[in-house]
Amino acid sequence: MDWFTDVRWSPYAAGIGIGVLSWFTWLISRKPIGCSTSFARSAGMIEKLLRGNRVETRPYYQEVQPVVDWQWMLVLGMVVGAFLSSRLSGDFRWQWIPPHWAATFGTSVAV
C-alpha cells in the first residue's frame, strides 16, 4: 500500500482504473460517468439560493433539475479524493500560483 503515498501515480494505472469504474457505473446505473452536468446543476443551486424559485422557470433547469444527485456526489468525491491524496503523499500546500505557471508566466497573481 506504499503507492498511496506516491506523489505521482502512473497515468496508465489511473486511466485503467477510471475505465473500469466507468464500466461498473454503466452496468449498475445505465448512465455514463460525467461531471459537466454537475457544474450546471451547481450553478442552478447557487442561483436558487440567490433568486429563489425563479431558476425553475428556465428551460434548461426544467429538464435538468438543480439537485444533488449521484453525479454531483461523484464530483464532490473527486475533490475530496484529490485533497486526501495530496495529504497522504505529503504534497499538499497552500499556493496561489503553481510552480510551473510561475516558471512560465511569472509570479503575478493578476496574470
PDB file of N, CA and C in Angstrom:
ATOM      1  N   MET A   1       0.810  -1.203   0.000  1.00  0.00           N
ATOM      2  CA  MET A   1       0.000   0.000   0.000  1.00  0.00           C
ATOM      3  C   MET A   1       0.856   1.271   0.000  1.00  0.00           C
ATOM      4  N   ASP A   2       2.150   1.132  -0.318  1.00  0.00           N
ATOM      5  CA  ASP A   2       3.015   2.311  -0.373  1.00  0.00           C
ATOM      6  C   ASP A   2       2.653   3.236  -1.530  1.00  0.00           C
ATOM      7  N   TRP A   3       1.966   2.720  -2.534  1.00  0.00           N
ATOM      8  CA  TRP A   3       1.616   3.553  -3.683  1.00  0.00           C
ATOM      9  C   TRP A   3       0.630   4.648  -3.317  1.00  0.00           C
ATOM     10  N   PHE A   4      -0.064   4.514  -2.163  1.00  0.00           N
ATOM     11  CA  PHE A   4      -0.958   5.587  -1.717  1.00  0.00           C
ATOM     12  C   PHE A   4      -0.185   6.857  -1.384  1.00  0.00           C
ATOM     13  N   THR A   5       1.050   6.710  -0.977  1.00  0.00           N
ATOM     14  CA  THR A   5       1.835   7.871  -0.566  1.00  0.00           C
ATOM     15  C   THR A   5       2.697   8.431  -1.682  1.00  0.00           C
ATOM     16  N   ASP A   6       2.646   7.851  -2.883  1.00  0.00           N
ATOM     17  CA  ASP A   6       3.398   8.385  -4.018  1.00  0.00           C
ATOM     18  C   ASP A   6       2.831   9.733  -4.442  1.00  0.00           C
ATOM     19  N   VAL A   7       3.725  10.668  -4.774  1.00  0.00           N
ATOM     20  CA  VAL A   7       3.287  11.992  -5.236  1.00  0.00           C
ATOM     21  C   VAL A   7       2.641  11.885  -6.608  1.00  0.00           C
ATOM     22  N   ARG A   8       3.215  11.074  -7.484  1.00  0.00           N
ATOM     23  CA  ARG A   8       2.657  10.882  -8.830  1.00  0.00           C
ATOM     24  C   ARG A   8       2.333   9.410  -9.030  1.00  0.00           C
ATOM     25  N   TRP A   9       1.198   9.173  -9.650  1.00  0.00           N
ATOM     26  CA  TRP A   9       0.790   7.810  -9.975  1.00  0.00           C
ATOM     27  C   TRP A   9       0.972   7.607 -11.464  1.00  0.00           C
ATOM     28  N   SER A  10       1.045   6.371 -11.849  1.00  0.00           N
ATOM     29  CA  SER A  10       1.152   6.052 -13.265  1.00  0.00           C
ATOM     30  C   SER A  10      -0.128   6.492 -13.974  1.00  0.00           C
ATOM     31  N   PRO A  11      -0.015   7.271 -15.051  1.00  0.00           N
ATOM     32  CA  PRO A  11      -1.218   7.676 -15.774  1.00  0.00           C
ATOM     33  C   PRO A  11      -1.929   6.475 -16.402  1.00  0.00           C
ATOM     34  N   TYR A  12      -1.174   5.424 -16.688  1.00  0.00           N
ATOM     35  CA  TYR A  12      -1.783   4.224 -17.270  1.00  0.00           C
ATOM     36  C   TYR A  12      -2.651   3.515 -16.238  1.00  0.00           C
ATOM     37  N   ALA A  13      -2.136   3.385 -15.014  1.00  0.00           N
ATOM     38  CA  ALA A  13      -2.916   2.737 -13.951  1.00  0.00           C
ATOM     39  C   ALA A  13      -4.152   3.567 -13.612  1.00  0.00           C
ATOM     40  N   ALA A  14      -3.985   4.891 -13.543  1.00  0.00           N
ATOM     41  CA  ALA A  14      -5.132   5.758 -13.250  1.00  0.00           C
ATOM     42  C   ALA A  14      -6.170   5.676 -14.371  1.00  0.00           C
ATOM     43  N   GLY A  15      -5.706   5.664 -15.626  1.00  0.00           N
ATOM     44  CA  GLY A  15      -6.621   5.554 -16.762  1.00  0.00           C
ATOM     45  C   GLY A  15      -7.377   4.240 -16.775  1.00  0.00           C
ATOM     46  N   ILE A  16      -6.664   3.159 -16.472  1.00  0.00           N
ATOM     47  CA  ILE A  16      -7.324   1.852 -16.400  1.00  0.00           C
ATOM     48  C   ILE A  16      -8.363   1.842 -15.282  1.00  0.00           C
ATOM     49  N   GLY A  17      -8.006   2.427 -14.145  1.00  0.00           N
ATOM     50  CA  GLY A  17      -8.949   2.489 -13.017  1.00  0.00           C
ATOM     51  C   GLY A  17     -10.216   3.263 -13.363  1.00  0.00           C
ATOM     52  N   ILE A  18     -10.055   4.400 -14.039  1.00  0.00           N
ATOM     53  CA  ILE A  18     -11.223   5.192 -14.440  1.00  0.00           C
ATOM     54  C   ILE A  18     -12.054   4.423 -15.472  1.00  0.00           C
ATOM     55  N   GLY A  19     -11.384   3.735 -16.376  1.00  0.00           N
ATOM     56  CA  GLY A  19     -12.102   2.938 -17.374  1.00  0.00           C
ATOM     57  C   GLY A  19     -12.926   1.837 -16.736  1.00  0.00           C
ATOM     58  N   VAL A  20     -12.338   1.115 -15.790  1.00  0.00           N
ATOM     59  CA  VAL A  20     -13.068   0.047 -15.096  1.00  0.00           C
ATOM     60  C   VAL A  20     -14.220   0.636 -14.292  1.00  0.00           C
ATOM     61  N   LEU A  21     -13.976   1.780 -13.636  1.00  0.00           N
ATOM     62  CA  LEU A  21     -15.048   2.446 -12.901  1.00  0.00           C
ATOM     63  C   LEU A  21     -16.206   2.813 -13.828  1.00  0.00           C
ATOM     64  N   SER A  22     -15.887   3.295 -15.033  1.00  0.00           N
ATOM     65  CA  SER A  22     -16.952   3.670 -15.968  1.00  0.00           C
ATOM     66  C   SER A  22     -17.749   2.446 -16.423  1.00  0.00           C
ATOM     67  N   TRP A  23     -17.091   1.290 -16.557  1.00  0.00           N
ATOM     68  CA  TRP A  23     -17.817   0.065 -16.910  1.00  0.00           C
ATOM     69  C   TRP A  23     -18.815  -0.301 -15.832  1.00  0.00           C
ATOM     70  N   PHE A  24     -18.347  -0.302 -14.582  1.00  0.00           N
ATOM     71  CA  PHE A  24     -19.239  -0.665 -13.476  1.00  0.00           C
ATOM     72  C   PHE A  24     -20.372   0.343 -13.318  1.00  0.00           C
ATOM     73  N   THR A  25     -20.060   1.624 -13.534  1.00  0.00           N
ATOM     74  CA  THR A  25     -21.098   2.647 -13.452  1.00  0.00           C
ATOM     75  C   THR A  25     -22.169   2.393 -14.501  1.00  0.00           C
ATOM     76  N   TRP A  26     -21.754   2.083 -15.721  1.00  0.00           N
ATOM     77  CA  TRP A  26     -22.706   1.821 -16.797  1.00  0.00           C
ATOM     78  C   TRP A  26     -23.527   0.559 -16.516  1.00  0.00           C
ATOM     79  N   LEU A  27     -22.868  -0.489 -16.020  1.00  0.00           N
ATOM     80  CA  LEU A  27     -23.569  -1.737 -15.723  1.00  0.00           C
ATOM     81  C   LEU A  27     -24.604  -1.565 -14.607  1.00  0.00           C
ATOM     82  N   ILE A  28     -24.262  -0.795 -13.595  1.00  0.00           N
ATOM     83  CA  ILE A  28     -25.144  -0.645 -12.440  1.00  0.00           C
ATOM     84  C   ILE A  28     -26.258   0.369 -12.690  1.00  0.00           C
ATOM     85  N   SER A  29     -25.917   1.529 -13.259  1.00  0.00           N
ATOM     86  CA  SER A  29     -26.903   2.605 -13.358  1.00  0.00           C
ATOM     87  C   SER A  29     -27.404   2.878 -14.773  1.00  0.00           C
ATOM     88  N   ARG A  30     -26.763   2.295 -15.788  1.00  0.00           N
ATOM     89  CA  ARG A  30     -27.095   2.570 -17.189  1.00  0.00           C
ATOM     90  C   ARG A  30     -26.921   4.046 -17.534  1.00  0.00           C
ATOM     91  N   LYS A  31     -25.992   4.699 -16.830  1.00  0.00           N
ATOM     92  CA  LYS A  31     -25.670   6.096 -17.109  1.00  0.00           C
ATOM     93  C   LYS A  31     -24.158   6.234 -17.181  1.00  0.00           C
ATOM     94  N   PRO A  32     -23.657   7.083 -18.081  1.00  0.00           N
ATOM     95  CA  PRO A  32     -22.208   7.270 -18.171  1.00  0.00           C
ATOM     96  C   PRO A  32     -21.694   8.182 -17.062  1.00  0.00           C
ATOM     97  N   ILE A  33     -20.402   8.040 -16.777  1.00  0.00           N
ATOM     98  CA  ILE A  33     -19.764   8.956 -15.826  1.00  0.00           C
ATOM     99  C   ILE A  33     -19.617  10.301 -16.519  1.00  0.00           C
ATOM    100  N   GLY A  34     -19.940  11.352 -15.835  1.00  0.00           N
ATOM    101  CA  GLY A  34     -19.781  12.689 -16.376  1.00  0.00           C
ATOM    102  C   GLY A  34     -19.811  13.708 -15.258  1.00  0.00           C
ATOM    103  N   CYS A  35     -19.263  14.877 -15.529  1.00  0.00           N
ATOM    104  CA  CYS A  35     -19.288  15.894 -14.481  1.00  0.00           C
ATOM    105  C   CYS A  35     -19.756  17.258 -14.977  1.00  0.00           C
ATOM    106  N   SER A  36     -19.897  17.450 -16.277  1.00  0.00           N
ATOM    107  CA  SER A  36     -20.286  18.781 -16.771  1.00  0.00           C
ATOM    108  C   SER A  36     -21.698  19.155 -16.325  1.00  0.00           C
ATOM    109  N   THR A  37     -22.605  18.208 -16.292  1.00  0.00           N
ATOM    110  CA  THR A  37     -23.965  18.498 -15.826  1.00  0.00           C
ATOM    111  C   THR A  37     -23.959  18.893 -14.356  1.00  0.00           C
ATOM    112  N   SER A  38     -23.038  18.319 -13.590  1.00  0.00           N
ATOM    113  CA  SER A  38     -22.952  18.649 -12.167  1.00  0.00           C
ATOM    114  C   SER A  38     -22.568  20.111 -11.958  1.00  0.00           C
ATOM    115  N   PHE A  39     -21.706  20.637 -12.818  1.00  0.00           N
ATOM    116  CA  PHE A  39     -21.340  22.042 -12.699  1.00  0.00           C
ATOM    117  C   PHE A  39     -22.539  22.938 -13.032  1.00  0.00           C
ATOM    118  N   ALA A  40     -23.303  22.562 -14.041  1.00  0.00           N
ATOM    119  CA  ALA A  40     -24.506  23.319 -14.379  1.00  0.00           C
ATOM    120  C   ALA A  40     -25.532  23.241 -13.247  1.00  0.00           C
ATOM    121  N   ARG A  41     -25.676  22.047 -12.653  1.00  0.00           N
ATOM    122  CA  ARG A  41     -26.592  21.905 -11.513  1.00  0.00           C
ATOM    123  C   ARG A  41     -26.144  22.759 -10.342  1.00  0.00           C
ATOM    124  N   SER A  42     -24.842  22.807 -10.099  1.00  0.00           N
ATOM    125  CA  SER A  42     -24.314  23.641  -9.009  1.00  0.00           C
ATOM    126  C   SER A  42     -24.651  25.104  -9.248  1.00  0.00           C
ATOM    127  N   ALA A  43     -24.507  25.558 -10.488  1.00  0.00           N
ATOM    128  CA  ALA A  43     -24.863  26.935 -10.820  1.00  0.00           C
ATOM    129  C   ALA A  43     -26.352  27.174 -10.571  1.00  0.00           C
ATOM    130  N   GLY A  44     -27.177  26.189 -10.918  1.00  0.00           N
ATOM    131  CA  GLY A  44     -28.613  26.313 -10.666  1.00  0.00           C
ATOM    132  C   GLY A  44     -28.934  26.350  -9.184  1.00  0.00           C
ATOM    133  N   MET A  45     -28.207  25.562  -8.375  1.00  0.00           N
ATOM    134  CA  MET A  45     -28.440  25.577  -6.931  1.00  0.00           C
ATOM    135  C   MET A  45     -28.033  26.918  -6.324  1.00  0.00           C
ATOM    136  N   ILE A  46     -26.923  27.478  -6.808  1.00  0.00           N
ATOM    137  CA  ILE A  46     -26.493  28.794  -6.322  1.00  0.00           C
ATOM    138  C   ILE A  46     -27.504  29.854  -6.729  1.00  0.00           C
ATOM    139  N   GLU A  47     -27.965  29.786  -7.968  1.00  0.00           N
ATOM    140  CA  GLU A  47     -28.972  30.750  -8.436  1.00  0.00           C
ATOM    141  C   GLU A  47     -30.258  30.621  -7.627  1.00  0.00           C
ATOM    142  N   LYS A  48     -30.611  29.389  -7.279  1.00  0.00           N
ATOM    143  CA  LYS A  48     -31.826  29.172  -6.491  1.00  0.00           C
ATOM    144  C   LYS A  48     -31.686  29.798  -5.102  1.00  0.00           C
ATOM    145  N   LEU A  49     -30.483  29.737  -4.533  1.00  0.00           N
ATOM    146  CA  LEU A  49     -30.247  30.379  -3.241  1.00  0.00           C
ATOM    147  C   LEU A  49     -30.393  31.888  -3.330  1.00  0.00           C
ATOM    148  N   LEU A  50     -29.916  32.460  -4.443  1.00  0.00           N
ATOM    149  CA  LEU A  50     -29.921  33.912  -4.593  1.00  0.00           C
ATOM    150  C   LEU A  50     -31.231  34.470  -5.135  1.00  0.00           C
ATOM    151  N   ARG A  51     -31.879  33.741  -6.024  1.00  0.00           N
ATOM    152  CA  ARG A  51     -33.064  34.274  -6.702  1.00  0.00           C
ATOM    153  C   ARG A  51     -34.345  33.521  -6.388  1.00  0.00           C
ATOM    154  N   GLY A  52     -34.267  32.477  -5.593  1.00  0.00           N
ATOM    155  CA  GLY A  52     -35.471  31.731  -5.241  1.00  0.00           C
ATOM    156  C   GLY A  52     -35.887  30.773  -6.342  1.00  0.00           C
ATOM    157  N   ASN A  53     -37.157  30.531  -6.433  1.00  0.00           N
ATOM    158  CA  ASN A  53     -37.694  29.539  -7.372  1.00  0.00           C
ATOM    159  C   ASN A  53     -37.735  30.012  -8.820  1.00  0.00           C
ATOM    160  N   ARG A  54     -37.281  31.221  -9.101  1.00  0.00           N
ATOM    161  CA  ARG A  54     -37.286  31.705 -10.481  1.00  0.00           C
ATOM    162  C   ARG A  54     -36.370  30.887 -11.377  1.00  0.00           C
ATOM    163  N   VAL A  55     -35.398  30.196 -10.775  1.00  0.00           N
ATOM    164  CA  VAL A  55     -34.494  29.360 -11.562  1.00  0.00           C
ATOM    165  C   VAL A  55     -35.261  28.233 -12.247  1.00  0.00           C
ATOM    166  N   GLU A  56     -36.346  27.801 -11.652  1.00  0.00           N
ATOM    167  CA  GLU A  56     -37.130  26.696 -12.211  1.00  0.00           C
ATOM    168  C   GLU A  56     -37.898  27.094 -13.465  1.00  0.00           C
ATOM    169  N   THR A  57     -37.961  28.387 -13.769  1.00  0.00           N
ATOM    170  CA  THR A  57     -38.645  28.828 -14.987  1.00  0.00           C
ATOM    171  C   THR A  57     -37.732  28.739 -16.214  1.00  0.00           C
ATOM    172  N   ARG A  58     -36.450  28.567 -16.002  1.00  0.00           N
ATOM    173  CA  ARG A  58     -35.505  28.458 -17.127  1.00  0.00           C
ATOM    174  C   ARG A  58     -35.686  27.103 -17.808  1.00  0.00           C
ATOM    175  N   PRO A  59     -35.719  27.083 -19.127  1.00  0.00           N
ATOM    176  CA  PRO A  59     -35.943  25.814 -19.852  1.00  0.00           C
ATOM    177  C   PRO A  59     -34.920  24.733 -19.519  1.00  0.00           C
ATOM    178  N   TYR A  60     -33.644  25.114 -19.365  1.00  0.00           N
ATOM    179  CA  TYR A  60     -32.616  24.101 -19.077  1.00  0.00           C
ATOM    180  C   TYR A  60     -32.878  23.432 -17.733  1.00  0.00           C
ATOM    181  N   TYR A  61     -33.215  24.227 -16.727  1.00  0.00           N
ATOM    182  CA  TYR A  61     -33.425  23.671 -15.395  1.00  0.00           C
ATOM    183  C   TYR A  61     -34.782  22.985 -15.243  1.00  0.00           C
ATOM    184  N   GLN A  62     -35.652  23.141 -16.226  1.00  0.00           N
ATOM    185  CA  GLN A  62     -36.869  22.336 -16.227  1.00  0.00           C
ATOM    186  C   GLN A  62     -36.547  20.909 -16.651  1.00  0.00           C
ATOM    187  N   GLU A  63     -35.543  20.781 -17.524  1.00  0.00           N
ATOM    188  CA  GLU A  63     -35.142  19.446 -17.976  1.00  0.00           C
ATOM    189  C   GLU A  63     -34.126  18.811 -17.027  1.00  0.00           C
ATOM    190  N   VAL A  64     -33.179  19.609 -16.567  1.00  0.00           N
ATOM    191  CA  VAL A  64     -32.124  19.136 -15.663  1.00  0.00           C
ATOM    192  C   VAL A  64     -32.317  19.854 -14.331  1.00  0.00           C
ATOM    193  N   GLN A  65     -32.938  19.194 -13.390  1.00  0.00           N
ATOM    194  CA  GLN A  65     -33.240  19.806 -12.102  1.00  0.00           C
ATOM    195  C   GLN A  65     -31.962  20.131 -11.330  1.00  0.00           C
ATOM    196  N   PRO A  66     -31.875  21.330 -10.720  1.00  0.00           N
ATOM    197  CA  PRO A  66     -30.685  21.681  -9.934  1.00  0.00           C
ATOM    198  C   PRO A  66     -30.739  21.031  -8.542  1.00  0.00           C
ATOM    199  N   VAL A  67     -30.452  19.741  -8.507  1.00  0.00           N
ATOM    200  CA  VAL A  67     -30.490  18.978  -7.253  1.00  0.00           C
ATOM    201  C   VAL A  67     -29.194  18.178  -7.115  1.00  0.00           C
ATOM    202  N   VAL A  68     -28.934  17.729  -5.899  1.00  0.00           N
ATOM    203  CA  VAL A  68     -27.785  16.864  -5.656  1.00  0.00           C
ATOM    204  C   VAL A  68     -28.155  15.454  -6.085  1.00  0.00           C
ATOM    205  N   ASP A  69     -27.381  14.912  -7.018  1.00  0.00           N
ATOM    206  CA  ASP A  69     -27.613  13.545  -7.484  1.00  0.00           C
ATOM    207  C   ASP A  69     -26.294  12.781  -7.423  1.00  0.00           C
ATOM    208  N   TRP A  70     -26.253  11.588  -7.982  1.00  0.00           N
ATOM    209  CA  TRP A  70     -25.053  10.761  -7.872  1.00  0.00           C
ATOM    210  C   TRP A  70     -23.881  11.369  -8.630  1.00  0.00           C
ATOM    211  N   GLN A  71     -24.134  12.042  -9.753  1.00  0.00           N
ATOM    212  CA  GLN A  71     -23.032  12.657 -10.500  1.00  0.00           C
ATOM    213  C   GLN A  71     -22.449  13.836  -9.722  1.00  0.00           C
ATOM    214  N   TRP A  72     -23.309  14.583  -9.047  1.00  0.00           N
ATOM    215  CA  TRP A  72     -22.840  15.705  -8.237  1.00  0.00           C
ATOM    216  C   TRP A  72     -21.978  15.185  -7.094  1.00  0.00           C
ATOM    217  N   MET A  73     -22.402  14.077  -6.492  1.00  0.00           N
ATOM    218  CA  MET A  73     -21.623  13.470  -5.420  1.00  0.00           C
ATOM    219  C   MET A  73     -20.299  12.914  -5.954  1.00  0.00           C
ATOM    220  N   LEU A  74     -20.281  12.461  -7.195  1.00  0.00           N
ATOM    221  CA  LEU A  74     -19.045  11.994  -7.815  1.00  0.00           C
ATOM    222  C   LEU A  74     -18.041  13.137  -7.912  1.00  0.00           C
ATOM    223  N   VAL A  75     -18.482  14.310  -8.330  1.00  0.00           N
ATOM    224  CA  VAL A  75     -17.604  15.471  -8.426  1.00  0.00           C
ATOM    225  C   VAL A  75     -17.096  15.861  -7.035  1.00  0.00           C
ATOM    226  N   LEU A  76     -17.971  15.851  -6.057  1.00  0.00           N
ATOM    227  CA  LEU A  76     -17.551  16.129  -4.683  1.00  0.00           C
ATOM    228  C   LEU A  76     -16.516  15.097  -4.231  1.00  0.00           C
ATOM    229  N   GLY A  77     -16.744  13.845  -4.581  1.00  0.00           N
ATOM    230  CA  GLY A  77     -15.797  12.787  -4.250  1.00  0.00           C
ATOM    231  C   GLY A  77     -14.441  12.987  -4.907  1.00  0.00           C
ATOM    232  N   MET A  78     -14.425  13.531  -6.133  1.00  0.00           N
ATOM    233  CA  MET A  78     -13.153  13.815  -6.800  1.00  0.00           C
ATOM    234  C   MET A  78     -12.368  14.886  -6.045  1.00  0.00           C
ATOM    235  N   VAL A  79     -13.072  15.910  -5.583  1.00  0.00           N
ATOM    236  CA  VAL A  79     -12.406  16.983  -4.842  1.00  0.00           C
ATOM    237  C   VAL A  79     -11.870  16.454  -3.510  1.00  0.00           C
ATOM    238  N   VAL A  80     -12.696  15.716  -2.792  1.00  0.00           N
ATOM    239  CA  VAL A  80     -12.277  15.158  -1.502  1.00  0.00           C
ATOM    240  C   VAL A  80     -11.138  14.150  -1.717  1.00  0.00           C
ATOM    241  N   GLY A  81     -11.248  13.321  -2.737  1.00  0.00           N
ATOM    242  CA  GLY A  81     -10.200  12.344  -3.031  1.00  0.00           C
ATOM    243  C   GLY A  81      -8.879  13.007  -3.391  1.00  0.00           C
ATOM    244  N   ALA A  82      -8.926  14.089  -4.164  1.00  0.00           N
ATOM    245  CA  ALA A  82      -7.701  14.805  -4.519  1.00  0.00           C
ATOM    246  C   ALA A  82      -7.057  15.410  -3.268  1.00  0.00           C
ATOM    247  N   PHE A  83      -7.887  15.944  -2.388  1.00  0.00           N
ATOM    248  CA  PHE A  83      -7.357  16.508  -1.145  1.00  0.00           C
ATOM    249  C   PHE A  83      -6.711  15.420  -0.290  1.00  0.00           C
ATOM    250  N   LEU A  84      -7.406  14.293  -0.106  1.00  0.00           N
ATOM    251  CA  LEU A  84      -6.857  13.204   0.695  1.00  0.00           C
ATOM    252  C   LEU A  84      -5.575  12.643   0.080  1.00  0.00           C
ATOM    253  N   SER A  85      -5.549  12.520  -1.233  1.00  0.00           N
ATOM    254  CA  SER A  85      -4.361  12.023  -1.916  1.00  0.00           C
ATOM    255  C   SER A  85      -3.173  12.946  -1.690  1.00  0.00           C
ATOM    256  N   SER A  86      -3.393  14.250  -1.794  1.00  0.00           N
ATOM    257  CA  SER A  86      -2.285  15.190  -1.592  1.00  0.00           C
ATOM    258  C   SER A  86      -1.816  15.190  -0.140  1.00  0.00           C
ATOM    259  N   ARG A  87      -2.726  14.988   0.803  1.00  0.00           N
ATOM    260  CA  ARG A  87      -2.325  14.901   2.221  1.00  0.00           C
ATOM    261  C   ARG A  87      -1.539  13.621   2.495  1.00  0.00           C
ATOM    262  N   LEU A  88      -2.004  12.487   1.951  1.00  0.00           N
ATOM    263  CA  LEU A  88      -1.314  11.218   2.175  1.00  0.00           C
ATOM    264  C   LEU A  88       0.081  11.205   1.563  1.00  0.00           C
ATOM    265  N   SER A  89       0.248  11.863   0.421  1.00  0.00           N
ATOM    266  CA  SER A  89       1.547  11.867  -0.246  1.00  0.00           C
ATOM    267  C   SER A  89       2.487  12.923   0.329  1.00  0.00           C
ATOM    268  N   GLY A  90       1.965  13.806   1.180  1.00  0.00           N
ATOM    269  CA  GLY A  90       2.795  14.868   1.739  1.00  0.00           C
ATOM    270  C   GLY A  90       3.036  16.001   0.768  1.00  0.00           C
ATOM    271  N   ASP A  91       2.267  16.065  -0.300  1.00  0.00           N
ATOM    272  CA  ASP A  91       2.459  17.071  -1.340  1.00  0.00           C
ATOM    273  C   ASP A  91       1.515  18.266  -1.187  1.00  0.00           C
ATOM    274  N   PHE A  92       0.647  18.243  -0.182  1.00  0.00           N
ATOM    275  CA  PHE A  92      -0.326  19.324  -0.015  1.00  0.00           C
ATOM    276  C   PHE A  92       0.366  20.588   0.475  1.00  0.00           C
ATOM    277  N   ARG A  93       0.020  21.704  -0.135  1.00  0.00           N
ATOM    278  CA  ARG A  93       0.476  23.018   0.328  1.00  0.00           C
ATOM    279  C   ARG A  93      -0.454  24.074  -0.254  1.00  0.00           C
ATOM    280  N   TRP A  94      -0.664  25.118   0.500  1.00  0.00           N
ATOM    281  CA  TRP A  94      -1.470  26.236   0.017  1.00  0.00           C
ATOM    282  C   TRP A  94      -0.604  27.067  -0.915  1.00  0.00           C
ATOM    283  N   GLN A  95      -1.105  27.369  -2.088  1.00  0.00           N
ATOM    284  CA  GLN A  95      -0.357  28.181  -3.030  1.00  0.00           C
ATOM    285  C   GLN A  95      -1.316  28.928  -3.939  1.00  0.00           C
ATOM    286  N   TRP A  96      -0.953  30.146  -4.258  1.00  0.00           N
ATOM    287  CA  TRP A  96      -1.760  30.937  -5.179  1.00  0.00           C
ATOM    288  C   TRP A  96      -1.364  30.661  -6.614  1.00  0.00           C
ATOM    289  N   ILE A  97      -0.070  30.442  -6.832  1.00  0.00           N
ATOM    290  CA  ILE A  97       0.437  30.258  -8.191  1.00  0.00           C
ATOM    291  C   ILE A  97       1.221  28.951  -8.249  1.00  0.00           C
ATOM    292  N   PRO A  98       0.807  28.008  -9.084  1.00  0.00           N
ATOM    293  CA  PRO A  98       1.554  26.753  -9.220  1.00  0.00           C
ATOM    294  C   PRO A  98       2.967  27.014  -9.753  1.00  0.00           C
ATOM    295  N   PRO A  99       3.949  26.208  -9.349  1.00  0.00           N
ATOM    296  CA  PRO A  99       5.337  26.434  -9.771  1.00  0.00           C
ATOM    297  C   PRO A  99       5.528  26.443 -11.293  1.00  0.00           C
ATOM    298  N   HIS A 100       4.869  25.553 -12.009  1.00  0.00           N
ATOM    299  CA  HIS A 100       5.035  25.507 -13.463  1.00  0.00           C
ATOM    300  C   HIS A 100       4.520  26.799 -14.106  1.00  0.00           C
ATOM    301  N   TRP A 101       3.398  27.305 -13.609  1.00  0.00           N
ATOM    302  CA  TRP A 101       2.850  28.569 -14.114  1.00  0.00           C
ATOM    303  C   TRP A 101       3.814  29.712 -13.821  1.00  0.00           C
ATOM    304  N   ALA A 102       4.355  29.756 -12.594  1.00  0.00           N
ATOM    305  CA  ALA A 102       5.268  30.814 -12.199  1.00  0.00           C
ATOM    306  C   ALA A 102       6.527  30.784 -13.061  1.00  0.00           C
ATOM    307  N   ALA A 103       7.019  29.596 -13.384  1.00  0.00           N
ATOM    308  CA  ALA A 103       8.215  29.494 -14.219  1.00  0.00           C
ATOM    309  C   ALA A 103       7.963  29.997 -15.638  1.00  0.00           C
ATOM    310  N   THR A 104       6.735  29.837 -16.106  1.00  0.00           N
ATOM    311  CA  THR A 104       6.413  30.232 -17.479  1.00  0.00           C
ATOM    312  C   THR A 104       5.966  31.684 -17.581  1.00  0.00           C
ATOM    313  N   PHE A 105       5.062  32.104 -16.671  1.00  0.00           N
ATOM    314  CA  PHE A 105       4.435  33.430 -16.796  1.00  0.00           C
ATOM    315  C   PHE A 105       4.809  34.404 -15.691  1.00  0.00           C
ATOM    316  N   GLY A 106       5.527  33.975 -14.673  1.00  0.00           N
ATOM    317  CA  GLY A 106       5.895  34.848 -13.563  1.00  0.00           C
ATOM    318  C   GLY A 106       5.009  34.643 -12.360  1.00  0.00           C
ATOM    319  N   THR A 107       5.282  35.392 -11.312  1.00  0.00           N
ATOM    320  CA  THR A 107       4.578  35.194 -10.034  1.00  0.00           C
ATOM    321  C   THR A 107       3.460  36.189  -9.798  1.00  0.00           C
ATOM    322  N   SER A 108       3.087  36.971 -10.787  1.00  0.00           N
ATOM    323  CA  SER A 108       2.000  37.932 -10.626  1.00  0.00           C
ATOM    324  C   SER A 108       0.659  37.230 -10.507  1.00  0.00           C
ATOM    325  N   VAL A 109      -0.072  37.536  -9.447  1.00  0.00           N
ATOM    326  CA  VAL A 109      -1.403  36.944  -9.252  1.00  0.00           C
ATOM    327  C   VAL A 109      -2.375  37.470 -10.312  1.00  0.00           C
ATOM    328  N   ALA A 110      -2.174  38.697 -10.756  1.00  0.00           N
ATOM    329  CA  ALA A 110      -3.063  39.309 -11.752  1.00  0.00           C
ATOM    330  C   ALA A 110      -3.020  38.560 -13.085  1.00  0.00           C
ATOM    331  N   VAL A 111      -1.857  38.043 -13.447  1.00  0.00           N
ATOM    332  CA  VAL A 111      -1.732  37.323 -14.718  1.00  0.00           C
ATOM    333  C   VAL A 111      -2.431  35.996 -14.592  1.00  0.00           C
TER     334      VAL A 111
END
